[in-house]
Amino acid sequence: MSEAIMSMPPTPRLWLLGQCTLELGAEPVELCHNGQRLLAFMGLRGRVCRTVLAGTLWPEATEEHARGSLRTALWKLPRTEPALIGRCGEALVVSPALRVDVHELTSTALGVLKGCEPSVCEQPTLGDLTGDELLPGWDENWVLVERERVRQLRLHALDALAEVLTRQGQTALALEAAWASVRREPLRESANRAVVSAHLAEGNVHEAIRHYQVFRRLLQEELGVEPTPLFSGMLPVHRTDPCV
């Protein structure tokens, strides 16, 4: 059994949050530029028609040249068993063995958003929901769409995690989750409501009012609007005026 374990191929892992990196076991593997783009796109989508893939990655080339560039990029990928990208008819599919960090983040975030209340020991940490953005510096349209999807998913998950922690009485951790969301998007009202909710749960009414006032001024200066009635209704009306 020990020999069988030793002979198992290293688990391939693809990092897309931050710099695009492929690891086989613990060793990073050098990829050419087109190899990075190919693995990143396939890692995000999982299964793609060859024509769609070629046209997306090489949009300015003719179909013939785009498909030729795709064949070259596939040929230059590291040889693994099973292959990182396999063929299923006219589609290309990612190997089930390839672990992609974005999917792990997505799974964690969706678990929080489903509304279940896990035990303290099962609670995801802030590190599970924060970190680098998706492929920073890449400006292709398909990356921009996926980057915004991941950004929104993170923000919603952080807001939800703050709410769960507040209900569980873990207000200090709730504030950390809420502030992580606020730092990413200061004008996001739901994140700022989560901060106020945690303060109120602790009985720190003054802190809650002060945070509301700071957010209200920021919203007025940046967008010229007021917080929603849902937010202002969390605090006594006569205590939320910025002059108080």
C-alpha atoms as a PDB file:
ATOM      1  CA  MET A   1       0.000   0.000   0.000  1.00  0.00           C
ATOM      2  CA  SER A   2       2.831   2.393   0.841  1.00  0.00           C
ATOM      3  CA  GLU A   3       4.381   1.807  -2.601  1.00  0.00           C
ATOM      4  CA  ALA A   4       1.030   2.560  -4.235  1.00  0.00           C
ATOM      5  CA  ILE A   5       0.739   5.802  -2.289  1.00  0.00           C
ATOM      6  CA  MET A   6       4.275   6.796  -3.226  1.00  0.00           C
ATOM      7  CA  SER A   7       3.566   6.141  -6.903  1.00  0.00           C
ATOM      8  CA  MET A   8       0.453   8.334  -7.006  1.00  0.00           C
ATOM      9  CA  PRO A   9       0.907  11.379  -9.269  1.00  0.00           C
ATOM     10  CA  PRO A  10       1.124  14.762  -7.528  1.00  0.00           C
ATOM     11  CA  THR A  11      -2.145  16.665  -7.193  1.00  0.00           C
ATOM     12  CA  PRO A  12      -2.274  19.524  -9.692  1.00  0.00           C
ATOM     13  CA  ARG A  13      -3.429  22.847  -8.256  1.00  0.00           C
ATOM     14  CA  LEU A  14      -4.245  26.037 -10.129  1.00  0.00           C
ATOM     15  CA  TRP A  15      -4.063  29.403  -8.372  1.00  0.00           C
ATOM     16  CA  LEU A  16      -6.055  32.211 -10.017  1.00  0.00           C
ATOM     17  CA  LEU A  17      -6.548  34.519  -7.031  1.00  0.00           C
ATOM     18  CA  GLY A  18      -3.439  36.613  -7.459  1.00  0.00           C
ATOM     19  CA  GLN A  19      -0.767  35.524  -9.901  1.00  0.00           C
ATOM     20  CA  CYS A  20      -1.739  32.637 -12.171  1.00  0.00           C
ATOM     21  CA  THR A  21       0.278  29.668 -10.934  1.00  0.00           C
ATOM     22  CA  LEU A  22       0.132  25.952 -11.620  1.00  0.00           C
ATOM     23  CA  GLU A  23       1.559  23.578  -9.034  1.00  0.00           C
ATOM     24  CA  LEU A  24       2.186  19.871  -9.358  1.00  0.00           C
ATOM     25  CA  GLY A  25       2.481  18.681  -5.791  1.00  0.00           C
ATOM     26  CA  ALA A  26       4.317  21.520  -4.075  1.00  0.00           C
ATOM     27  CA  GLU A  27       6.341  22.509  -7.129  1.00  0.00           C
ATOM     28  CA  PRO A  28       5.336  25.476  -9.335  1.00  0.00           C
ATOM     29  CA  VAL A  29       5.354  24.763 -13.055  1.00  0.00           C
ATOM     30  CA  GLU A  30       6.429  27.361 -15.609  1.00  0.00           C
ATOM     31  CA  LEU A  31       3.746  28.178 -18.149  1.00  0.00           C
ATOM     32  CA  CYS A  32       3.936  30.239 -21.324  1.00  0.00           C
ATOM     33  CA  HIS A  33       1.569  33.222 -21.630  1.00  0.00           C
ATOM     34  CA  ASN A  34      -0.980  31.386 -23.756  1.00  0.00           C
ATOM     35  CA  GLY A  35      -0.746  28.370 -21.465  1.00  0.00           C
ATOM     36  CA  GLN A  36      -1.694  30.579 -18.520  1.00  0.00           C
ATOM     37  CA  ARG A  37      -4.651  32.061 -20.400  1.00  0.00           C
ATOM     38  CA  LEU A  38      -5.813  28.634 -21.523  1.00  0.00           C
ATOM     39  CA  LEU A  39      -5.627  27.080 -18.063  1.00  0.00           C
ATOM     40  CA  ALA A  40      -7.190  30.123 -16.423  1.00  0.00           C
ATOM     41  CA  PHE A  41     -10.176  30.128 -18.776  1.00  0.00           C
ATOM     42  CA  MET A  42     -10.669  26.375 -18.562  1.00  0.00           C
ATOM     43  CA  GLY A  43     -10.125  26.386 -14.803  1.00  0.00           C
ATOM     44  CA  LEU A  44     -12.940  28.896 -14.423  1.00  0.00           C
ATOM     45  CA  ARG A  45     -15.373  27.319 -16.889  1.00  0.00           C
ATOM     46  CA  GLY A  46     -14.599  23.601 -16.586  1.00  0.00           C
ATOM     47  CA  ARG A  47     -15.992  22.586 -19.980  1.00  0.00           C
ATOM     48  CA  VAL A  48     -15.862  24.682 -23.175  1.00  0.00           C
ATOM     49  CA  CYS A  49     -16.468  24.086 -26.878  1.00  0.00           C
ATOM     50  CA  ARG A  50     -13.164  24.248 -28.781  1.00  0.00           C
ATOM     51  CA  THR A  51     -14.505  26.859 -31.226  1.00  0.00           C
ATOM     52  CA  VAL A  52     -15.779  29.090 -28.420  1.00  0.00           C
ATOM     53  CA  LEU A  53     -12.521  28.714 -26.510  1.00  0.00           C
ATOM     54  CA  ALA A  54     -10.342  29.555 -29.519  1.00  0.00           C
ATOM     55  CA  GLY A  55     -12.518  32.529 -30.465  1.00  0.00           C
ATOM     56  CA  THR A  56     -12.471  33.892 -26.901  1.00  0.00           C
ATOM     57  CA  LEU A  57      -8.730  33.613 -26.357  1.00  0.00           C
ATOM     58  CA  TRP A  58      -7.734  34.782 -29.853  1.00  0.00           C
ATOM     59  CA  PRO A  59     -10.639  37.035 -30.874  1.00  0.00           C
ATOM     60  CA  GLU A  60      -8.740  38.988 -33.538  1.00  0.00           C
ATOM     61  CA  ALA A  61      -7.455  35.915 -35.385  1.00  0.00           C
ATOM     62  CA  THR A  62      -9.250  33.994 -38.099  1.00  0.00           C
ATOM     63  CA  GLU A  63     -10.981  30.819 -36.938  1.00  0.00           C
ATOM     64  CA  GLU A  64      -8.269  28.691 -38.549  1.00  0.00           C
ATOM     65  CA  HIS A  65      -5.434  30.563 -36.863  1.00  0.00           C
ATOM     66  CA  ALA A  66      -7.279  30.668 -33.528  1.00  0.00           C
ATOM     67  CA  ARG A  67      -7.776  26.915 -33.548  1.00  0.00           C
ATOM     68  CA  GLY A  68      -4.104  26.473 -34.490  1.00  0.00           C
ATOM     69  CA  SER A  69      -3.050  28.663 -31.547  1.00  0.00           C
ATOM     70  CA  LEU A  70      -5.271  26.581 -29.289  1.00  0.00           C
ATOM     71  CA  ARG A  71      -3.653  23.343 -30.473  1.00  0.00           C
ATOM     72  CA  THR A  72      -0.207  24.813 -29.822  1.00  0.00           C
ATOM     73  CA  ALA A  73      -1.162  25.993 -26.337  1.00  0.00           C
ATOM     74  CA  LEU A  74      -2.602  22.572 -25.498  1.00  0.00           C
ATOM     75  CA  TRP A  75       0.544  20.834 -26.749  1.00  0.00           C
ATOM     76  CA  LYS A  76       2.747  23.057 -24.548  1.00  0.00           C
ATOM     77  CA  LEU A  77       0.882  22.236 -21.319  1.00  0.00           C
ATOM     78  CA  PRO A  78       2.744  20.035 -18.805  1.00  0.00           C
ATOM     79  CA  ARG A  79       2.277  16.325 -19.362  1.00  0.00           C
ATOM     80  CA  THR A  80       0.293  14.844 -16.485  1.00  0.00           C
ATOM     81  CA  GLU A  81      -1.736  11.694 -15.902  1.00  0.00           C
ATOM     82  CA  PRO A  82      -4.595  12.298 -16.341  1.00  0.00           C
ATOM     83  CA  ALA A  83      -4.123  15.234 -18.701  1.00  0.00           C
ATOM     84  CA  LEU A  84      -4.923  18.661 -17.269  1.00  0.00           C
ATOM     85  CA  ILE A  85      -7.316  19.259 -20.148  1.00  0.00           C
ATOM     86  CA  GLY A  86      -9.016  16.412 -21.970  1.00  0.00           C
ATOM     87  CA  ARG A  87     -11.277  16.154 -24.990  1.00  0.00           C
ATOM     88  CA  CYS A  88     -14.935  15.146 -25.042  1.00  0.00           C
ATOM     89  CA  GLY A  89     -16.238  15.384 -28.583  1.00  0.00           C
ATOM     90  CA  GLU A  90     -15.947  19.007 -29.683  1.00  0.00           C
ATOM     91  CA  ALA A  91     -15.560  20.183 -26.094  1.00  0.00           C
ATOM     92  CA  LEU A  92     -12.499  20.457 -23.881  1.00  0.00           C
ATOM     93  CA  VAL A  93     -12.874  19.523 -20.219  1.00  0.00           C
ATOM     94  CA  VAL A  94     -10.707  20.127 -17.167  1.00  0.00           C
ATOM     95  CA  SER A  95      -9.385  17.090 -15.330  1.00  0.00           C
ATOM     96  CA  PRO A  96     -11.382  16.364 -12.144  1.00  0.00           C
ATOM     97  CA  ALA A  97      -8.023  16.055 -10.380  1.00  0.00           C
ATOM     98  CA  LEU A  98      -7.193  19.730 -10.952  1.00  0.00           C
ATOM     99  CA  ARG A  99      -7.950  21.802  -7.858  1.00  0.00           C
ATOM    100  CA  VAL A 100      -8.750  25.450  -8.563  1.00  0.00           C
ATOM    101  CA  ASP A 101      -8.658  28.007  -5.747  1.00  0.00           C
ATOM    102  CA  VAL A 102     -11.585  30.020  -7.165  1.00  0.00           C
ATOM    103  CA  HIS A 103     -13.877  26.998  -6.887  1.00  0.00           C
ATOM    104  CA  GLU A 104     -12.813  26.453  -3.291  1.00  0.00           C
ATOM    105  CA  LEU A 105     -13.603  30.098  -2.509  1.00  0.00           C
ATOM    106  CA  THR A 106     -16.940  29.786  -4.297  1.00  0.00           C
ATOM    107  CA  SER A 107     -17.851  26.666  -2.340  1.00  0.00           C
ATOM    108  CA  THR A 108     -17.011  28.337   0.970  1.00  0.00           C
ATOM    109  CA  ALA A 109     -18.896  31.531   0.114  1.00  0.00           C
ATOM    110  CA  LEU A 110     -21.997  29.683  -1.074  1.00  0.00           C
ATOM    111  CA  GLY A 111     -21.957  27.609   2.098  1.00  0.00           C
ATOM    112  CA  VAL A 112     -22.200  30.828   4.113  1.00  0.00           C
ATOM    113  CA  LEU A 113     -24.903  32.265   1.866  1.00  0.00           C
ATOM    114  CA  LYS A 114     -27.128  29.202   2.157  1.00  0.00           C
ATOM    115  CA  GLY A 115     -28.051  30.465   5.591  1.00  0.00           C
ATOM    116  CA  CYS A 116     -27.000  27.434   7.631  1.00  0.00           C
ATOM    117  CA  GLU A 117     -25.469  28.155  11.018  1.00  0.00           C
ATOM    118  CA  PRO A 118     -22.426  25.914  11.421  1.00  0.00           C
ATOM    119  CA  SER A 119     -20.777  25.354  14.752  1.00  0.00           C
ATOM    120  CA  VAL A 120     -17.944  27.601  15.847  1.00  0.00           C
ATOM    121  CA  CYS A 121     -15.304  25.035  14.876  1.00  0.00           C
ATOM    122  CA  GLU A 122     -16.802  24.745  11.364  1.00  0.00           C
ATOM    123  CA  GLN A 123     -17.070  28.492  10.786  1.00  0.00           C
ATOM    124  CA  PRO A 124     -15.039  29.723   7.788  1.00  0.00           C
ATOM    125  CA  THR A 125     -12.283  32.153   8.665  1.00  0.00           C
ATOM    126  CA  LEU A 126     -11.819  35.577   7.114  1.00  0.00           C
ATOM    127  CA  GLY A 127      -8.845  34.153   5.265  1.00  0.00           C
ATOM    128  CA  ASP A 128     -11.223  31.784   3.475  1.00  0.00           C
ATOM    129  CA  LEU A 129     -13.224  34.719   2.088  1.00  0.00           C
ATOM    130  CA  THR A 130     -10.582  37.386   1.536  1.00  0.00           C
ATOM    131  CA  GLY A 131      -7.268  37.580  -0.273  1.00  0.00           C
ATOM    132  CA  ASP A 132      -6.093  38.656  -3.706  1.00  0.00           C
ATOM    133  CA  GLU A 133      -8.490  39.519  -6.510  1.00  0.00           C
ATOM    134  CA  LEU A 134      -8.903  37.302  -9.528  1.00  0.00           C
ATOM    135  CA  LEU A 135      -5.993  37.558 -11.974  1.00  0.00           C
ATOM    136  CA  PRO A 136      -5.005  41.171 -11.168  1.00  0.00           C
ATOM    137  CA  GLY A 137      -3.676  43.071 -14.170  1.00  0.00           C
ATOM    138  CA  TRP A 138      -5.500  40.895 -16.720  1.00  0.00           C
ATOM    139  CA  ASP A 139      -7.913  43.071 -18.713  1.00  0.00           C
ATOM    140  CA  GLU A 140      -9.596  40.669 -21.111  1.00  0.00           C
ATOM    141  CA  ASN A 141     -13.387  40.813 -21.059  1.00  0.00           C
ATOM    142  CA  TRP A 142     -13.860  37.256 -19.835  1.00  0.00           C
ATOM    143  CA  VAL A 143     -11.552  37.987 -16.899  1.00  0.00           C
ATOM    144  CA  LEU A 144     -13.370  41.216 -16.010  1.00  0.00           C
ATOM    145  CA  VAL A 145     -16.705  39.377 -15.889  1.00  0.00           C
ATOM    146  CA  GLU A 146     -15.359  36.607 -13.671  1.00  0.00           C
ATOM    147  CA  ARG A 147     -13.482  39.084 -11.459  1.00  0.00           C
ATOM    148  CA  GLU A 148     -16.680  41.021 -10.760  1.00  0.00           C
ATOM    149  CA  ARG A 149     -18.566  37.790 -10.048  1.00  0.00           C
ATOM    150  CA  VAL A 150     -15.952  36.743  -7.495  1.00  0.00           C
ATOM    151  CA  ARG A 151     -15.889  40.238  -5.965  1.00  0.00           C
ATOM    152  CA  GLN A 152     -19.645  40.294  -5.473  1.00  0.00           C
ATOM    153  CA  LEU A 153     -19.674  36.759  -4.099  1.00  0.00           C
ATOM    154  CA  ARG A 154     -17.009  37.649  -1.538  1.00  0.00           C
ATOM    155  CA  LEU A 155     -18.839  40.783  -0.430  1.00  0.00           C
ATOM    156  CA  HIS A 156     -22.158  38.991   0.013  1.00  0.00           C
ATOM    157  CA  ALA A 157     -20.476  36.156   1.892  1.00  0.00           C
ATOM    158  CA  LEU A 158     -18.656  38.548   4.235  1.00  0.00           C
ATOM    159  CA  ASP A 159     -21.910  40.385   4.971  1.00  0.00           C
ATOM    160  CA  ALA A 160     -23.685  37.088   5.645  1.00  0.00           C
ATOM    161  CA  LEU A 161     -20.848  35.802   7.815  1.00  0.00           C
ATOM    162  CA  ALA A 162     -20.989  38.979   9.905  1.00  0.00           C
ATOM    163  CA  GLU A 163     -24.726  38.442  10.439  1.00  0.00           C
ATOM    164  CA  VAL A 164     -24.257  34.813  11.459  1.00  0.00           C
ATOM    165  CA  LEU A 165     -21.487  35.691  13.906  1.00  0.00           C
ATOM    166  CA  THR A 166     -23.581  38.480  15.407  1.00  0.00           C
ATOM    167  CA  ARG A 167     -26.481  36.077  15.988  1.00  0.00           C
ATOM    168  CA  GLN A 168     -24.072  33.639  17.614  1.00  0.00           C
ATOM    169  CA  GLY A 169     -22.825  36.349  19.981  1.00  0.00           C
ATOM    170  CA  GLN A 170     -19.352  36.465  18.430  1.00  0.00           C
ATOM    171  CA  THR A 171     -19.520  40.198  17.905  1.00  0.00           C
ATOM    172  CA  ALA A 172     -15.757  40.843  17.736  1.00  0.00           C
ATOM    173  CA  LEU A 173     -15.425  38.351  14.875  1.00  0.00           C
ATOM    174  CA  ALA A 174     -18.584  39.748  13.303  1.00  0.00           C
ATOM    175  CA  LEU A 175     -17.024  43.204  13.251  1.00  0.00           C
ATOM    176  CA  GLU A 176     -13.892  41.816  11.589  1.00  0.00           C
ATOM    177  CA  ALA A 177     -15.994  40.227   8.839  1.00  0.00           C
ATOM    178  CA  ALA A 178     -18.070  43.381   8.385  1.00  0.00           C
ATOM    179  CA  TRP A 179     -14.986  45.601   8.235  1.00  0.00           C
ATOM    180  CA  ALA A 180     -13.368  43.297   5.689  1.00  0.00           C
ATOM    181  CA  SER A 181     -16.374  43.966   3.464  1.00  0.00           C
ATOM    182  CA  VAL A 182     -16.348  47.711   4.169  1.00  0.00           C
ATOM    183  CA  ARG A 183     -12.657  47.961   3.286  1.00  0.00           C
ATOM    184  CA  ARG A 184     -13.326  46.374  -0.085  1.00  0.00           C
ATOM    185  CA  GLU A 185     -16.306  48.633  -0.807  1.00  0.00           C
ATOM    186  CA  PRO A 186     -16.742  51.584   1.617  1.00  0.00           C
ATOM    187  CA  LEU A 187     -20.020  52.749   0.036  1.00  0.00           C
ATOM    188  CA  ARG A 188     -21.694  49.343   0.367  1.00  0.00           C
ATOM    189  CA  GLU A 189     -24.604  49.871   2.747  1.00  0.00           C
ATOM    190  CA  SER A 190     -25.150  46.222   3.669  1.00  0.00           C
ATOM    191  CA  ALA A 191     -21.579  45.968   4.958  1.00  0.00           C
ATOM    192  CA  ASN A 192     -21.964  49.140   7.011  1.00  0.00           C
ATOM    193  CA  ARG A 193     -25.274  47.881   8.390  1.00  0.00           C
ATOM    194  CA  ALA A 194     -23.439  44.752   9.524  1.00  0.00           C
ATOM    195  CA  VAL A 195     -20.959  46.936  11.443  1.00  0.00           C
ATOM    196  CA  VAL A 196     -23.807  48.805  13.160  1.00  0.00           C
ATOM    197  CA  SER A 197     -25.652  45.564  13.899  1.00  0.00           C
ATOM    198  CA  ALA A 198     -22.610  44.117  15.666  1.00  0.00           C
ATOM    199  CA  HIS A 199     -22.156  47.296  17.713  1.00  0.00           C
ATOM    200  CA  LEU A 200     -25.813  47.223  18.768  1.00  0.00           C
ATOM    201  CA  ALA A 201     -25.547  43.547  19.718  1.00  0.00           C
ATOM    202  CA  GLU A 202     -22.742  44.509  22.083  1.00  0.00           C
ATOM    203  CA  GLY A 203     -24.837  47.334  23.528  1.00  0.00           C
ATOM    204  CA  ASN A 204     -22.457  49.940  22.097  1.00  0.00           C
ATOM    205  CA  VAL A 205     -25.123  52.362  20.884  1.00  0.00           C
ATOM    206  CA  HIS A 206     -22.694  55.283  20.709  1.00  0.00           C
ATOM    207  CA  GLU A 207     -20.351  53.324  18.418  1.00  0.00           C
ATOM    208  CA  ALA A 208     -23.292  52.317  16.256  1.00  0.00           C
ATOM    209  CA  ILE A 209     -24.513  55.912  15.908  1.00  0.00           C
ATOM    210  CA  ARG A 210     -21.034  57.218  15.200  1.00  0.00           C
ATOM    211  CA  HIS A 211     -20.475  54.671  12.435  1.00  0.00           C
ATOM    212  CA  TYR A 212     -23.852  55.467  10.897  1.00  0.00           C
ATOM    213  CA  GLN A 213     -23.030  59.180  10.883  1.00  0.00           C
ATOM    214  CA  VAL A 214     -19.639  58.616   9.243  1.00  0.00           C
ATOM    215  CA  PHE A 215     -21.231  56.453   6.553  1.00  0.00           C
ATOM    216  CA  ARG A 216     -24.040  58.968   6.026  1.00  0.00           C
ATOM    217  CA  ARG A 217     -21.578  61.819   5.459  1.00  0.00           C
ATOM    218  CA  LEU A 218     -19.519  59.678   3.072  1.00  0.00           C
ATOM    219  CA  LEU A 219     -22.621  58.726   1.105  1.00  0.00           C
ATOM    220  CA  GLN A 220     -23.730  62.353   0.852  1.00  0.00           C
ATOM    221  CA  GLU A 221     -20.290  63.535  -0.267  1.00  0.00           C
ATOM    222  CA  GLU A 222     -19.686  60.781  -2.804  1.00  0.00           C
ATOM    223  CA  LEU A 223     -23.170  60.100  -4.199  1.00  0.00           C
ATOM    224  CA  GLY A 224     -25.399  62.887  -2.894  1.00  0.00           C
ATOM    225  CA  VAL A 225     -27.897  60.428  -1.400  1.00  0.00           C
ATOM    226  CA  GLU A 226     -29.066  59.365   2.047  1.00  0.00           C
ATOM    227  CA  PRO A 227     -28.869  55.881   3.588  1.00  0.00           C
ATOM    228  CA  THR A 228     -31.946  53.756   3.016  1.00  0.00           C
ATOM    229  CA  PRO A 229     -34.806  53.742   5.543  1.00  0.00           C
ATOM    230  CA  LEU A 230     -33.752  50.193   6.416  1.00  0.00           C
ATOM    231  CA  PHE A 231     -30.425  51.513   7.701  1.00  0.00           C
ATOM    232  CA  SER A 232     -31.699  54.666   9.394  1.00  0.00           C
ATOM    233  CA  GLY A 233     -34.446  52.622  11.034  1.00  0.00           C
ATOM    234  CA  MET A 234     -31.861  50.582  12.936  1.00  0.00           C
ATOM    235  CA  LEU A 235     -31.236  53.588  15.220  1.00  0.00           C
ATOM    236  CA  PRO A 236     -33.460  56.150  16.968  1.00  0.00           C
ATOM    237  CA  VAL A 237     -34.268  58.889  14.442  1.00  0.00           C
ATOM    238  CA  HIS A 238     -33.333  61.704  16.786  1.00  0.00           C
ATOM    239  CA  ARG A 239     -29.900  60.191  17.396  1.00  0.00           C
ATOM    240  CA  THR A 240     -28.786  59.757  13.761  1.00  0.00           C
ATOM    241  CA  ASP A 241     -28.398  63.412  12.778  1.00  0.00           C
ATOM    242  CA  PRO A 242     -24.697  64.074  11.977  1.00  0.00           C
ATOM    243  CA  CYS A 243     -24.765  67.183  14.141  1.00  0.00           C
ATOM    244  CA  VAL A 244     -25.578  65.184  17.301  1.00  0.00           C
END
